[in-house]
Amino acid sequence: MPLSFGEKVKVVLKRRKLTIADLATMLDTSRQNLTNKLSRDNFQEKEMIEIAKKLNCSYQGQLIMNDTGEEI
Protein backbone atom coordinates (compact mmCIF):
# COMPACT_ATOMS: atom_id res chain seq x y z
CA MET A 1 0.00 0.00 0.00
CA PRO A 2 1.51 3.37 -0.97
CA LEU A 3 2.45 5.88 1.70
CA SER A 4 0.27 8.94 2.18
CA PHE A 5 1.83 12.37 1.73
CA GLY A 6 1.90 12.84 5.52
CA GLU A 7 3.74 9.53 5.95
CA LYS A 8 6.23 10.49 3.24
CA VAL A 9 6.91 13.81 4.98
CA LYS A 10 7.60 11.95 8.24
CA VAL A 11 10.07 9.65 6.44
CA VAL A 12 11.94 12.63 4.97
CA LEU A 13 11.94 14.42 8.35
CA LYS A 14 13.53 11.39 9.98
CA ARG A 15 16.15 11.05 7.25
CA ARG A 16 16.94 14.76 7.46
CA LYS A 17 17.09 14.53 11.28
CA LEU A 18 14.35 17.16 11.57
CA THR A 19 11.28 17.28 13.77
CA ILE A 20 7.73 18.28 12.99
CA ALA A 21 8.41 21.39 15.08
CA ASP A 22 11.39 22.22 12.84
CA LEU A 23 9.24 21.93 9.72
CA ALA A 24 6.42 23.94 11.34
CA THR A 25 8.91 26.75 12.02
CA MET A 26 10.10 26.65 8.39
CA LEU A 27 6.47 26.89 7.25
CA ASP A 28 5.62 29.64 9.74
CA THR A 29 2.86 27.58 11.35
CA SER A 30 2.38 25.90 14.72
CA ARG A 31 3.61 22.41 15.50
CA GLN A 32 0.07 21.49 16.57
CA ASN A 33 -1.43 22.68 13.28
CA LEU A 34 1.14 20.75 11.23
CA THR A 35 0.73 17.63 13.39
CA ASN A 36 -3.03 17.75 12.82
CA LYS A 37 -2.62 18.18 9.07
CA LEU A 38 -0.11 15.30 8.94
CA SER A 39 -2.41 12.97 10.89
CA ARG A 40 -5.43 13.87 8.72
CA ASP A 41 -3.26 13.91 5.58
CA ASN A 42 -5.13 17.06 4.64
CA PHE A 43 -2.95 19.12 2.29
CA GLN A 44 -3.59 21.25 -0.73
CA GLU A 45 -1.15 20.76 -3.59
CA LYS A 46 0.37 24.22 -3.04
CA GLU A 47 1.10 23.20 0.57
CA MET A 48 2.69 19.95 -0.60
CA ILE A 49 4.90 21.89 -3.01
CA GLU A 50 5.96 24.30 -0.24
CA ILE A 51 6.70 21.44 2.18
CA ALA A 52 8.78 19.68 -0.48
CA LYS A 53 10.79 22.86 -1.08
CA LYS A 54 11.44 23.34 2.64
CA LEU A 55 12.65 19.73 2.86
CA ASN A 56 14.97 20.15 -0.16
CA CYS A 57 12.83 17.75 -2.19
CA SER A 58 11.03 17.92 -5.52
CA TYR A 59 7.27 17.41 -5.59
CA GLN A 60 5.84 15.36 -8.43
CA GLY A 61 2.98 13.73 -6.59
CA GLN A 62 5.76 12.10 -4.62
CA LEU A 63 8.83 13.32 -2.78
CA ILE A 64 12.21 12.89 -4.44
CA MET A 65 15.24 13.74 -2.33
CA ASN A 66 17.29 16.14 -4.46
CA ASP A 67 20.65 15.12 -3.04
CA THR A 68 20.13 11.32 -3.38
CA GLY A 69 17.42 11.04 -6.04
CA GLU A 70 15.58 8.63 -3.76
CA GLU A 71 11.80 8.51 -4.23
CA ILE A 72 9.79 8.38 -1.02
PDB file of N, CA and C in Angstrom:
ATOM      1  N   MET A   1       0.845  -1.175   0.000  1.00  0.00           N
ATOM      2  CA  MET A   1       0.000   0.000   0.000  1.00  0.00           C
ATOM      3  C   MET A   1       0.894   1.243   0.000  1.00  0.00           C
ATOM      4  N   PRO A   2       0.649   2.183  -0.894  1.00  0.00           N
ATOM      5  CA  PRO A   2       1.505   3.374  -0.973  1.00  0.00           C
ATOM      6  C   PRO A   2       1.373   4.251   0.269  1.00  0.00           C
ATOM      7  N   LEU A   3       2.456   4.945   0.561  1.00  0.00           N
ATOM      8  CA  LEU A   3       2.455   5.875   1.699  1.00  0.00           C
ATOM      9  C   LEU A   3       1.641   7.115   1.356  1.00  0.00           C
ATOM     10  N   SER A   4       0.967   7.658   2.358  1.00  0.00           N
ATOM     11  CA  SER A   4       0.273   8.937   2.184  1.00  0.00           C
ATOM     12  C   SER A   4       1.317  10.052   2.165  1.00  0.00           C
ATOM     13  N   PHE A   5       0.908  11.241   1.745  1.00  0.00           N
ATOM     14  CA  PHE A   5       1.832  12.371   1.732  1.00  0.00           C
ATOM     15  C   PHE A   5       2.360  12.643   3.140  1.00  0.00           C
ATOM     16  N   GLY A   6       1.484  12.606   4.129  1.00  0.00           N
ATOM     17  CA  GLY A   6       1.899  12.837   5.516  1.00  0.00           C
ATOM     18  C   GLY A   6       2.951  11.835   5.967  1.00  0.00           C
ATOM     19  N   GLU A   7       2.768  10.567   5.596  1.00  0.00           N
ATOM     20  CA  GLU A   7       3.742   9.534   5.954  1.00  0.00           C
ATOM     21  C   GLU A   7       5.075   9.773   5.244  1.00  0.00           C
ATOM     22  N   LYS A   8       4.998  10.194   3.993  1.00  0.00           N
ATOM     23  CA  LYS A   8       6.225  10.489   3.244  1.00  0.00           C
ATOM     24  C   LYS A   8       6.989  11.644   3.885  1.00  0.00           C
ATOM     25  N   VAL A   9       6.263  12.666   4.322  1.00  0.00           N
ATOM     26  CA  VAL A   9       6.910  13.806   4.984  1.00  0.00           C
ATOM     27  C   VAL A   9       7.623  13.324   6.242  1.00  0.00           C
ATOM     28  N   LYS A  10       6.979  12.468   7.015  1.00  0.00           N
ATOM     29  CA  LYS A  10       7.598  11.954   8.242  1.00  0.00           C
ATOM     30  C   LYS A  10       8.865  11.160   7.941  1.00  0.00           C
ATOM     31  N   VAL A  11       8.875  10.400   6.848  1.00  0.00           N
ATOM     32  CA  VAL A  11      10.072   9.654   6.443  1.00  0.00           C
ATOM     33  C   VAL A  11      11.204  10.622   6.126  1.00  0.00           C
ATOM     34  N   VAL A  12      10.901  11.655   5.339  1.00  0.00           N
ATOM     35  CA  VAL A  12      11.941  12.628   4.970  1.00  0.00           C
ATOM     36  C   VAL A  12      12.436  13.361   6.223  1.00  0.00           C
ATOM     37  N   LEU A  13      11.529  13.743   7.106  1.00  0.00           N
ATOM     38  CA  LEU A  13      11.941  14.416   8.349  1.00  0.00           C
ATOM     39  C   LEU A  13      12.933  13.553   9.115  1.00  0.00           C
ATOM     40  N   LYS A  14      12.630  12.278   9.250  1.00  0.00           N
ATOM     41  CA  LYS A  14      13.526  11.385   9.983  1.00  0.00           C
ATOM     42  C   LYS A  14      14.885  11.297   9.303  1.00  0.00           C
ATOM     43  N   ARG A  15      14.881  11.171   7.988  1.00  0.00           N
ATOM     44  CA  ARG A  15      16.147  11.048   7.251  1.00  0.00           C
ATOM     45  C   ARG A  15      16.952  12.345   7.282  1.00  0.00           C
ATOM     46  N   ARG A  16      16.258  13.463   7.399  1.00  0.00           N
ATOM     47  CA  ARG A  16      16.941  14.759   7.463  1.00  0.00           C
ATOM     48  C   ARG A  16      17.266  15.150   8.908  1.00  0.00           C
ATOM     49  N   LYS A  17      16.879  14.270   9.849  1.00  0.00           N
ATOM     50  CA  LYS A  17      17.093  14.530  11.278  1.00  0.00           C
ATOM     51  C   LYS A  17      16.407  15.830  11.705  1.00  0.00           C
ATOM     52  N   LEU A  18      15.175  16.003  11.231  1.00  0.00           N
ATOM     53  CA  LEU A  18      14.354  17.162  11.575  1.00  0.00           C
ATOM     54  C   LEU A  18      13.118  16.686  12.319  1.00  0.00           C
ATOM     55  N   THR A  19      12.511  17.589  13.058  1.00  0.00           N
ATOM     56  CA  THR A  19      11.276  17.285  13.766  1.00  0.00           C
ATOM     57  C   THR A  19      10.108  17.982  13.077  1.00  0.00           C
ATOM     58  N   ILE A  20       8.917  17.595  13.488  1.00  0.00           N
ATOM     59  CA  ILE A  20       7.725  18.281  12.990  1.00  0.00           C
ATOM     60  C   ILE A  20       7.773  19.745  13.410  1.00  0.00           C
ATOM     61  N   ALA A  21       8.279  20.001  14.606  1.00  0.00           N
ATOM     62  CA  ALA A  21       8.406  21.386  15.082  1.00  0.00           C
ATOM     63  C   ALA A  21       9.357  22.177  14.184  1.00  0.00           C
ATOM     64  N   ASP A  22      10.449  21.550  13.750  1.00  0.00           N
ATOM     65  CA  ASP A  22      11.394  22.221  12.839  1.00  0.00           C
ATOM     66  C   ASP A  22      10.687  22.606  11.539  1.00  0.00           C
ATOM     67  N   LEU A  23       9.939  21.657  10.977  1.00  0.00           N
ATOM     68  CA  LEU A  23       9.238  21.928   9.724  1.00  0.00           C
ATOM     69  C   LEU A  23       8.163  22.993   9.934  1.00  0.00           C
ATOM     70  N   ALA A  24       7.451  22.936  11.045  1.00  0.00           N
ATOM     71  CA  ALA A  24       6.423  23.945  11.338  1.00  0.00           C
ATOM     72  C   ALA A  24       7.044  25.341  11.374  1.00  0.00           C
ATOM     73  N   THR A  25       8.207  25.459  11.972  1.00  0.00           N
ATOM     74  CA  THR A  25       8.905  26.746  12.017  1.00  0.00           C
ATOM     75  C   THR A  25       9.254  27.211  10.608  1.00  0.00           C
ATOM     76  N   MET A  26       9.747  26.298   9.779  1.00  0.00           N
ATOM     77  CA  MET A  26      10.098  26.647   8.392  1.00  0.00           C
ATOM     78  C   MET A  26       8.872  27.116   7.607  1.00  0.00           C
ATOM     79  N   LEU A  27       7.708  26.565   7.953  1.00  0.00           N
ATOM     80  CA  LEU A  27       6.473  26.887   7.246  1.00  0.00           C
ATOM     81  C   LEU A  27       5.705  28.027   7.910  1.00  0.00           C
ATOM     82  N   ASP A  28       6.254  28.552   9.000  1.00  0.00           N
ATOM     83  CA  ASP A  28       5.620  29.638   9.740  1.00  0.00           C
ATOM     84  C   ASP A  28       4.208  29.255  10.206  1.00  0.00           C
ATOM     85  N   THR A  29       4.113  28.065  10.786  1.00  0.00           N
ATOM     86  CA  THR A  29       2.856  27.585  11.352  1.00  0.00           C
ATOM     87  C   THR A  29       3.163  26.940  12.698  1.00  0.00           C
ATOM     88  N   SER A  30       2.152  26.525  13.413  1.00  0.00           N
ATOM     89  CA  SER A  30       2.384  25.897  14.718  1.00  0.00           C
ATOM     90  C   SER A  30       2.634  24.400  14.545  1.00  0.00           C
ATOM     91  N   ARG A  31       3.348  23.842  15.501  1.00  0.00           N
ATOM     92  CA  ARG A  31       3.608  22.411  15.499  1.00  0.00           C
ATOM     93  C   ARG A  31       2.277  21.650  15.568  1.00  0.00           C
ATOM     94  N   GLN A  32       1.372  22.142  16.410  1.00  0.00           N
ATOM     95  CA  GLN A  32       0.074  21.485  16.571  1.00  0.00           C
ATOM     96  C   GLN A  32      -0.713  21.479  15.255  1.00  0.00           C
ATOM     97  N   ASN A  33      -0.721  22.601  14.557  1.00  0.00           N
ATOM     98  CA  ASN A  33      -1.432  22.676  13.279  1.00  0.00           C
ATOM     99  C   ASN A  33      -0.836  21.691  12.272  1.00  0.00           C
ATOM    100  N   LEU A  34       0.490  21.661  12.176  1.00  0.00           N
ATOM    101  CA  LEU A  34       1.137  20.752  11.230  1.00  0.00           C
ATOM    102  C   LEU A  34       0.904  19.298  11.629  1.00  0.00           C
ATOM    103  N   THR A  35       0.988  18.990  12.912  1.00  0.00           N
ATOM    104  CA  THR A  35       0.734  17.626  13.385  1.00  0.00           C
ATOM    105  C   THR A  35      -0.669  17.185  13.004  1.00  0.00           C
ATOM    106  N   ASN A  36      -1.647  18.069  13.192  1.00  0.00           N
ATOM    107  CA  ASN A  36      -3.025  17.746  12.824  1.00  0.00           C
ATOM    108  C   ASN A  36      -3.164  17.495  11.327  1.00  0.00           C
ATOM    109  N   LYS A  37      -2.540  18.346  10.524  1.00  0.00           N
ATOM    110  CA  LYS A  37      -2.620  18.178   9.069  1.00  0.00           C
ATOM    111  C   LYS A  37      -1.949  16.870   8.639  1.00  0.00           C
ATOM    112  N   LEU A  38      -0.813  16.545   9.278  1.00  0.00           N
ATOM    113  CA  LEU A  38      -0.115  15.302   8.945  1.00  0.00           C
ATOM    114  C   LEU A  38      -0.968  14.088   9.314  1.00  0.00           C
ATOM    115  N   SER A  39      -1.612  14.122  10.465  1.00  0.00           N
ATOM    116  CA  SER A  39      -2.408  12.973  10.887  1.00  0.00           C
ATOM    117  C   SER A  39      -3.663  12.817  10.033  1.00  0.00           C
ATOM    118  N   ARG A  40      -4.241  13.924   9.590  1.00  0.00           N
ATOM    119  CA  ARG A  40      -5.427  13.870   8.718  1.00  0.00           C
ATOM    120  C   ARG A  40      -5.040  13.700   7.253  1.00  0.00           C
ATOM    121  N   ASP A  41      -3.757  13.911   6.957  1.00  0.00           N
ATOM    122  CA  ASP A  41      -3.256  13.907   5.580  1.00  0.00           C
ATOM    123  C   ASP A  41      -4.108  14.838   4.727  1.00  0.00           C
ATOM    124  N   ASN A  42      -4.237  16.070   5.228  1.00  0.00           N
ATOM    125  CA  ASN A  42      -5.129  17.062   4.640  1.00  0.00           C
ATOM    126  C   ASN A  42      -4.298  18.237   4.111  1.00  0.00           C
ATOM    127  N   PHE A  43      -3.795  18.098   2.879  1.00  0.00           N
ATOM    128  CA  PHE A  43      -2.948  19.124   2.288  1.00  0.00           C
ATOM    129  C   PHE A  43      -3.455  19.513   0.914  1.00  0.00           C
ATOM    130  N   GLN A  44      -3.371  20.795   0.628  1.00  0.00           N
ATOM    131  CA  GLN A  44      -3.595  21.253  -0.732  1.00  0.00           C
ATOM    132  C   GLN A  44      -2.283  21.067  -1.490  1.00  0.00           C
ATOM    133  N   GLU A  45      -2.368  20.983  -2.808  1.00  0.00           N
ATOM    134  CA  GLU A  45      -1.148  20.759  -3.585  1.00  0.00           C
ATOM    135  C   GLU A  45      -0.131  21.874  -3.369  1.00  0.00           C
ATOM    136  N   LYS A  46      -0.589  23.124  -3.252  1.00  0.00           N
ATOM    137  CA  LYS A  46       0.371  24.216  -3.037  1.00  0.00           C
ATOM    138  C   LYS A  46       1.104  24.035  -1.710  1.00  0.00           C
ATOM    139  N   GLU A  47       0.438  23.471  -0.700  1.00  0.00           N
ATOM    140  CA  GLU A  47       1.101  23.196   0.570  1.00  0.00           C
ATOM    141  C   GLU A  47       2.115  22.065   0.408  1.00  0.00           C
ATOM    142  N   MET A  48       1.761  21.052  -0.374  1.00  0.00           N
ATOM    143  CA  MET A  48       2.690  19.947  -0.600  1.00  0.00           C
ATOM    144  C   MET A  48       3.933  20.431  -1.331  1.00  0.00           C
ATOM    145  N   ILE A  49       3.760  21.323  -2.274  1.00  0.00           N
ATOM    146  CA  ILE A  49       4.903  21.887  -3.009  1.00  0.00           C
ATOM    147  C   ILE A  49       5.794  22.682  -2.061  1.00  0.00           C
ATOM    148  N   GLU A  50       5.194  23.493  -1.193  1.00  0.00           N
ATOM    149  CA  GLU A  50       5.960  24.302  -0.238  1.00  0.00           C
ATOM    150  C   GLU A  50       6.700  23.405   0.756  1.00  0.00           C
ATOM    151  N   ILE A  51       6.050  22.370   1.248  1.00  0.00           N
ATOM    152  CA  ILE A  51       6.702  21.443   2.177  1.00  0.00           C
ATOM    153  C   ILE A  51       7.879  20.765   1.493  1.00  0.00           C
ATOM    154  N   ALA A  52       7.694  20.319   0.268  1.00  0.00           N
ATOM    155  CA  ALA A  52       8.779  19.680  -0.477  1.00  0.00           C
ATOM    156  C   ALA A  52       9.975  20.622  -0.615  1.00  0.00           C
ATOM    157  N   LYS A  53       9.710  21.885  -0.947  1.00  0.00           N
ATOM    158  CA  LYS A  53      10.794  22.863  -1.083  1.00  0.00           C
ATOM    159  C   LYS A  53      11.540  23.032   0.229  1.00  0.00           C
ATOM    160  N   LYS A  54      10.805  23.147   1.326  1.00  0.00           N
ATOM    161  CA  LYS A  54      11.436  23.340   2.638  1.00  0.00           C
ATOM    162  C   LYS A  54      12.281  22.132   3.036  1.00  0.00           C
ATOM    163  N   LEU A  55      11.913  20.947   2.539  1.00  0.00           N
ATOM    164  CA  LEU A  55      12.653  19.730   2.864  1.00  0.00           C
ATOM    165  C   LEU A  55      13.725  19.397   1.826  1.00  0.00           C
ATOM    166  N   ASN A  56      13.988  20.343   0.912  1.00  0.00           N
ATOM    167  CA  ASN A  56      14.967  20.146  -0.157  1.00  0.00           C
ATOM    168  C   ASN A  56      14.618  18.917  -0.991  1.00  0.00           C
ATOM    169  N   CYS A  57      13.351  18.839  -1.361  1.00  0.00           N
ATOM    170  CA  CYS A  57      12.834  17.752  -2.192  1.00  0.00           C
ATOM    171  C   CYS A  57      12.108  18.360  -3.383  1.00  0.00           C
ATOM    172  N   SER A  58      11.879  17.546  -4.391  1.00  0.00           N
ATOM    173  CA  SER A  58      11.032  17.917  -5.517  1.00  0.00           C
ATOM    174  C   SER A  58       9.669  17.290  -5.286  1.00  0.00           C
ATOM    175  N   TYR A  59       8.620  17.974  -5.711  1.00  0.00           N
ATOM    176  CA  TYR A  59       7.272  17.413  -5.595  1.00  0.00           C
ATOM    177  C   TYR A  59       6.753  17.076  -6.983  1.00  0.00           C
ATOM    178  N   GLN A  60       6.424  15.819  -7.170  1.00  0.00           N
ATOM    179  CA  GLN A  60       5.843  15.357  -8.425  1.00  0.00           C
ATOM    180  C   GLN A  60       4.740  14.359  -8.099  1.00  0.00           C
ATOM    181  N   GLY A  61       3.958  14.689  -7.086  1.00  0.00           N
ATOM    182  CA  GLY A  61       2.985  13.730  -6.593  1.00  0.00           C
ATOM    183  C   GLY A  61       3.659  12.725  -5.674  1.00  0.00           C
ATOM    184  N   GLN A  62       4.942  12.877  -5.542  1.00  0.00           N
ATOM    185  CA  GLN A  62       5.759  12.099  -4.616  1.00  0.00           C
ATOM    186  C   GLN A  62       6.950  12.953  -4.227  1.00  0.00           C
ATOM    187  N   LEU A  63       7.635  12.578  -3.184  1.00  0.00           N
ATOM    188  CA  LEU A  63       8.827  13.322  -2.783  1.00  0.00           C
ATOM    189  C   LEU A  63      10.058  12.616  -3.329  1.00  0.00           C
ATOM    190  N   ILE A  64      10.950  13.414  -3.918  1.00  0.00           N
ATOM    191  CA  ILE A  64      12.208  12.890  -4.437  1.00  0.00           C
ATOM    192  C   ILE A  64      13.315  13.708  -3.788  1.00  0.00           C
ATOM    193  N   MET A  65      14.162  13.042  -3.023  1.00  0.00           N
ATOM    194  CA  MET A  65      15.243  13.741  -2.326  1.00  0.00           C
ATOM    195  C   MET A  65      16.244  14.232  -3.370  1.00  0.00           C
ATOM    196  N   ASN A  66      16.441  15.552  -3.431  1.00  0.00           N
ATOM    197  CA  ASN A  66      17.293  16.142  -4.461  1.00  0.00           C
ATOM    198  C   ASN A  66      18.739  15.659  -4.375  1.00  0.00           C
ATOM    199  N   ASP A  67      19.240  15.482  -3.164  1.00  0.00           N
ATOM    200  CA  ASP A  67      20.649  15.119  -3.036  1.00  0.00           C
ATOM    201  C   ASP A  67      20.919  13.630  -3.317  1.00  0.00           C
ATOM    202  N   THR A  68      19.909  12.749  -3.147  1.00  0.00           N
ATOM    203  CA  THR A  68      20.132  11.324  -3.381  1.00  0.00           C
ATOM    204  C   THR A  68      19.319  10.771  -4.549  1.00  0.00           C
ATOM    205  N   GLY A  69      18.288  11.514  -4.982  1.00  0.00           N
ATOM    206  CA  GLY A  69      17.421  11.042  -6.044  1.00  0.00           C
ATOM    207  C   GLY A  69      16.438   9.977  -5.592  1.00  0.00           C
ATOM    208  N   GLU A  70      16.449   9.678  -4.300  1.00  0.00           N
ATOM    209  CA  GLU A  70      15.583   8.633  -3.756  1.00  0.00           C
ATOM    210  C   GLU A  70      14.127   9.093  -3.756  1.00  0.00           C
ATOM    211  N   GLU A  71      13.240   8.226  -4.236  1.00  0.00           N
ATOM    212  CA  GLU A  71      11.801   8.506  -4.234  1.00  0.00           C
ATOM    213  C   GLU A  71      11.210   7.966  -2.948  1.00  0.00           C
ATOM    214  N   ILE A  72      10.417   8.791  -2.278  1.00  0.00           N
ATOM    215  CA  ILE A  72       9.788   8.384  -1.018  1.00  0.00           C
ATOM    216  C   ILE A  72       8.315   8.138  -1.274  1.00  0.00           C
TER     217      ILE A  72
END
